[in-house]
């Protein structure tokens, strides 16, 4: 997950609902892939478990925002 969102992308997402939805979807996919990799590759210790819980919470929030954008392009 080395490709961070740029300030220009954030500014565009504020004004372009279609781009915002695309950005949310891409980052949700990246987050889910990272969680799968963590589950597959890492040692299961308290820090890993905490990070995975935080990642899952973030994934749920992204999914909720993605749904709200799909239902109302002016939301999020």
N, C-alpha and C. Protein backbone atom coordinates (compact mmCIF):
# COMPACT_ATOMS: atom_id res chain seq x y z
N UNK A 1 0.83 -1.18 0.00
CA UNK A 1 0.00 0.00 0.00
C UNK A 1 0.88 1.24 0.00
N UNK A 2 1.66 1.40 -1.03
CA UNK A 2 2.58 2.51 -1.08
C UNK A 2 1.99 3.74 -1.77
N UNK A 3 0.95 3.59 -2.53
CA UNK A 3 0.36 4.71 -3.25
C UNK A 3 -0.64 5.44 -2.36
N UNK A 4 -0.19 6.56 -1.81
CA UNK A 4 -1.06 7.34 -0.95
C UNK A 4 -1.91 8.28 -1.79
N UNK A 5 -3.02 8.70 -1.24
CA UNK A 5 -3.90 9.64 -1.92
C UNK A 5 -3.27 11.02 -1.86
N UNK A 6 -3.25 11.70 -2.98
CA UNK A 6 -2.64 13.03 -3.04
C UNK A 6 -3.64 14.11 -2.63
N UNK A 7 -3.13 15.27 -2.34
CA UNK A 7 -3.98 16.42 -2.02
C UNK A 7 -4.87 16.77 -3.21
N UNK A 8 -4.34 16.65 -4.41
CA UNK A 8 -5.14 16.93 -5.62
C UNK A 8 -6.32 15.97 -5.74
N UNK A 9 -6.06 14.69 -5.44
CA UNK A 9 -7.15 13.71 -5.49
C UNK A 9 -8.21 14.01 -4.44
N UNK A 10 -7.78 14.39 -3.26
CA UNK A 10 -8.75 14.75 -2.22
C UNK A 10 -9.60 15.95 -2.63
N UNK A 11 -8.95 16.95 -3.20
CA UNK A 11 -9.68 18.13 -3.66
C UNK A 11 -10.68 17.76 -4.75
N UNK A 12 -10.26 16.92 -5.69
CA UNK A 12 -11.16 16.49 -6.76
C UNK A 12 -12.33 15.69 -6.20
N UNK A 13 -12.05 14.82 -5.22
CA UNK A 13 -13.10 13.99 -4.64
C UNK A 13 -14.17 14.82 -3.93
N UNK A 14 -13.78 15.97 -3.41
CA UNK A 14 -14.75 16.85 -2.74
C UNK A 14 -15.78 17.42 -3.71
N UNK A 15 -15.40 17.54 -4.99
CA UNK A 15 -16.26 18.20 -5.97
C UNK A 15 -16.80 17.27 -7.06
N UNK A 16 -16.27 16.06 -7.14
CA UNK A 16 -16.64 15.13 -8.21
C UNK A 16 -17.15 13.82 -7.59
N UNK A 17 -18.48 13.66 -7.48
CA UNK A 17 -19.04 12.47 -6.83
C UNK A 17 -18.61 11.15 -7.48
N UNK A 18 -18.49 11.12 -8.79
CA UNK A 18 -18.08 9.88 -9.46
C UNK A 18 -16.64 9.53 -9.10
N UNK A 19 -15.78 10.53 -9.07
CA UNK A 19 -14.39 10.30 -8.69
C UNK A 19 -14.30 9.88 -7.23
N UNK A 20 -15.10 10.51 -6.37
CA UNK A 20 -15.13 10.16 -4.94
C UNK A 20 -15.50 8.69 -4.77
N UNK A 21 -16.51 8.24 -5.50
CA UNK A 21 -16.93 6.84 -5.41
C UNK A 21 -15.81 5.91 -5.89
N UNK A 22 -15.16 6.28 -6.98
CA UNK A 22 -14.06 5.47 -7.51
C UNK A 22 -12.91 5.40 -6.50
N UNK A 23 -12.58 6.54 -5.90
CA UNK A 23 -11.50 6.60 -4.93
C UNK A 23 -11.81 5.74 -3.70
N UNK A 24 -13.04 5.83 -3.21
CA UNK A 24 -13.45 5.02 -2.06
C UNK A 24 -13.37 3.53 -2.40
N UNK A 25 -13.86 3.15 -3.57
CA UNK A 25 -13.86 1.75 -3.97
C UNK A 25 -12.43 1.21 -4.10
N UNK A 26 -11.56 2.00 -4.72
CA UNK A 26 -10.18 1.56 -4.89
C UNK A 26 -9.50 1.36 -3.54
N UNK A 27 -9.71 2.29 -2.64
CA UNK A 27 -9.05 2.20 -1.35
C UNK A 27 -9.65 1.12 -0.47
N UNK A 28 -10.93 0.86 -0.61
CA UNK A 28 -11.53 -0.27 0.11
C UNK A 28 -10.90 -1.57 -0.39
N UNK A 29 -10.74 -1.70 -1.68
CA UNK A 29 -10.10 -2.89 -2.24
C UNK A 29 -8.67 -3.05 -1.75
N UNK A 30 -7.92 -1.96 -1.71
CA UNK A 30 -6.54 -2.01 -1.23
C UNK A 30 -6.49 -2.42 0.24
N UNK A 31 -7.40 -1.88 1.03
CA UNK A 31 -7.45 -2.21 2.45
C UNK A 31 -7.78 -3.68 2.66
N UNK A 32 -8.76 -4.19 1.92
CA UNK A 32 -9.13 -5.60 2.06
C UNK A 32 -7.99 -6.52 1.65
N UNK A 33 -7.27 -6.16 0.59
CA UNK A 33 -6.11 -6.96 0.18
C UNK A 33 -5.03 -6.95 1.26
N UNK A 34 -4.79 -5.80 1.87
CA UNK A 34 -3.79 -5.71 2.93
C UNK A 34 -4.20 -6.56 4.14
N UNK A 35 -5.49 -6.54 4.47
CA UNK A 35 -5.96 -7.37 5.59
C UNK A 35 -5.79 -8.85 5.29
N UNK A 36 -6.10 -9.24 4.06
CA UNK A 36 -5.91 -10.66 3.70
C UNK A 36 -4.45 -11.05 3.79
N UNK A 37 -3.57 -10.17 3.33
CA UNK A 37 -2.14 -10.46 3.38
C UNK A 37 -1.67 -10.57 4.84
N UNK A 38 -2.13 -9.66 5.68
CA UNK A 38 -1.76 -9.72 7.10
C UNK A 38 -2.21 -11.04 7.73
N UNK A 39 -3.42 -11.43 7.43
CA UNK A 39 -3.96 -12.66 8.01
C UNK A 39 -3.14 -13.87 7.55
N UNK A 40 -2.74 -13.85 6.30
CA UNK A 40 -2.02 -14.98 5.71
C UNK A 40 -0.55 -15.01 6.15
N UNK A 41 0.09 -13.85 6.23
CA UNK A 41 1.54 -13.80 6.38
C UNK A 41 2.07 -13.55 7.78
N UNK A 42 1.32 -12.92 8.63
CA UNK A 42 1.92 -12.44 9.87
C UNK A 42 1.70 -13.38 11.04
N UNK A 43 2.56 -13.17 12.02
CA UNK A 43 2.40 -13.87 13.29
C UNK A 43 1.16 -13.33 13.98
N UNK A 44 0.44 -14.20 14.60
CA UNK A 44 -0.75 -13.77 15.34
C UNK A 44 -0.34 -13.38 16.74
N UNK A 45 -0.24 -12.07 16.97
CA UNK A 45 0.09 -11.56 18.29
C UNK A 45 -0.88 -10.43 18.61
N UNK A 46 -0.86 -9.91 19.83
CA UNK A 46 -1.83 -8.87 20.19
C UNK A 46 -1.78 -7.63 19.27
N UNK A 47 -0.60 -7.22 18.85
CA UNK A 47 -0.50 -6.06 17.97
C UNK A 47 -1.13 -6.35 16.60
N UNK A 48 -0.88 -7.52 16.07
CA UNK A 48 -1.47 -7.90 14.78
C UNK A 48 -2.99 -7.95 14.88
N UNK A 49 -3.48 -8.54 15.94
CA UNK A 49 -4.93 -8.63 16.13
C UNK A 49 -5.55 -7.24 16.24
N UNK A 50 -4.90 -6.34 16.97
CA UNK A 50 -5.41 -4.96 17.10
C UNK A 50 -5.41 -4.25 15.75
N UNK A 51 -4.33 -4.40 15.01
CA UNK A 51 -4.25 -3.76 13.69
C UNK A 51 -5.31 -4.30 12.74
N UNK A 52 -5.55 -5.60 12.81
CA UNK A 52 -6.57 -6.19 11.95
C UNK A 52 -7.96 -5.68 12.33
N UNK A 53 -8.24 -5.57 13.63
CA UNK A 53 -9.53 -5.01 14.07
C UNK A 53 -9.70 -3.58 13.58
N UNK A 54 -8.64 -2.78 13.69
CA UNK A 54 -8.71 -1.40 13.22
C UNK A 54 -8.93 -1.36 11.71
N UNK A 55 -8.27 -2.25 10.99
CA UNK A 55 -8.44 -2.31 9.53
C UNK A 55 -9.86 -2.71 9.15
N UNK A 56 -10.42 -3.66 9.87
CA UNK A 56 -11.80 -4.08 9.61
C UNK A 56 -12.77 -2.95 9.91
N UNK A 57 -12.56 -2.24 11.01
CA UNK A 57 -13.41 -1.09 11.33
C UNK A 57 -13.35 -0.04 10.23
N UNK A 58 -12.15 0.23 9.74
CA UNK A 58 -11.99 1.20 8.66
C UNK A 58 -12.66 0.71 7.38
N UNK A 59 -12.55 -0.57 7.08
CA UNK A 59 -13.19 -1.13 5.90
C UNK A 59 -14.70 -0.97 5.96
N UNK A 60 -15.27 -1.18 7.13
CA UNK A 60 -16.72 -1.01 7.30
C UNK A 60 -17.10 0.45 7.06
N UNK A 61 -16.32 1.39 7.61
CA UNK A 61 -16.60 2.81 7.40
C UNK A 61 -16.50 3.18 5.93
N UNK A 62 -15.48 2.68 5.25
CA UNK A 62 -15.34 2.95 3.81
C UNK A 62 -16.52 2.38 3.03
N UNK A 63 -16.93 1.17 3.37
CA UNK A 63 -18.07 0.55 2.68
C UNK A 63 -19.35 1.35 2.91
N UNK A 64 -19.54 1.84 4.14
CA UNK A 64 -20.72 2.66 4.42
C UNK A 64 -20.70 3.95 3.61
N UNK A 65 -19.54 4.58 3.53
CA UNK A 65 -19.42 5.81 2.73
C UNK A 65 -19.65 5.52 1.26
N UNK A 66 -19.14 4.41 0.80
CA UNK A 66 -19.33 4.03 -0.60
C UNK A 66 -20.80 3.84 -0.90
N UNK A 67 -21.53 3.21 0.01
CA UNK A 67 -22.97 3.03 -0.16
C UNK A 67 -23.69 4.36 -0.15
N UNK A 68 -23.30 5.26 0.74
CA UNK A 68 -23.98 6.55 0.80
C UNK A 68 -23.72 7.37 -0.46
N UNK A 69 -22.53 7.26 -1.03
CA UNK A 69 -22.23 7.95 -2.28
C UNK A 69 -23.06 7.36 -3.41
N UNK A 70 -23.20 6.05 -3.42
CA UNK A 70 -23.98 5.39 -4.47
C UNK A 70 -25.46 5.80 -4.38
N UNK A 71 -25.96 5.96 -3.17
CA UNK A 71 -27.36 6.32 -2.98
C UNK A 71 -27.62 7.81 -3.19
N UNK A 72 -26.65 8.62 -2.79
CA UNK A 72 -26.80 10.08 -2.89
C UNK A 72 -25.46 10.67 -3.29
N UNK A 73 -25.29 11.02 -4.55
CA UNK A 73 -23.97 11.50 -5.02
C UNK A 73 -23.43 12.71 -4.26
N UNK A 74 -24.28 13.43 -3.52
CA UNK A 74 -23.80 14.60 -2.80
C UNK A 74 -23.40 14.27 -1.37
N UNK A 75 -23.55 13.00 -0.96
CA UNK A 75 -23.18 12.59 0.39
C UNK A 75 -21.69 12.33 0.46
N UNK A 76 -21.24 12.00 1.67
CA UNK A 76 -19.84 11.66 1.99
C UNK A 76 -19.05 12.91 2.08
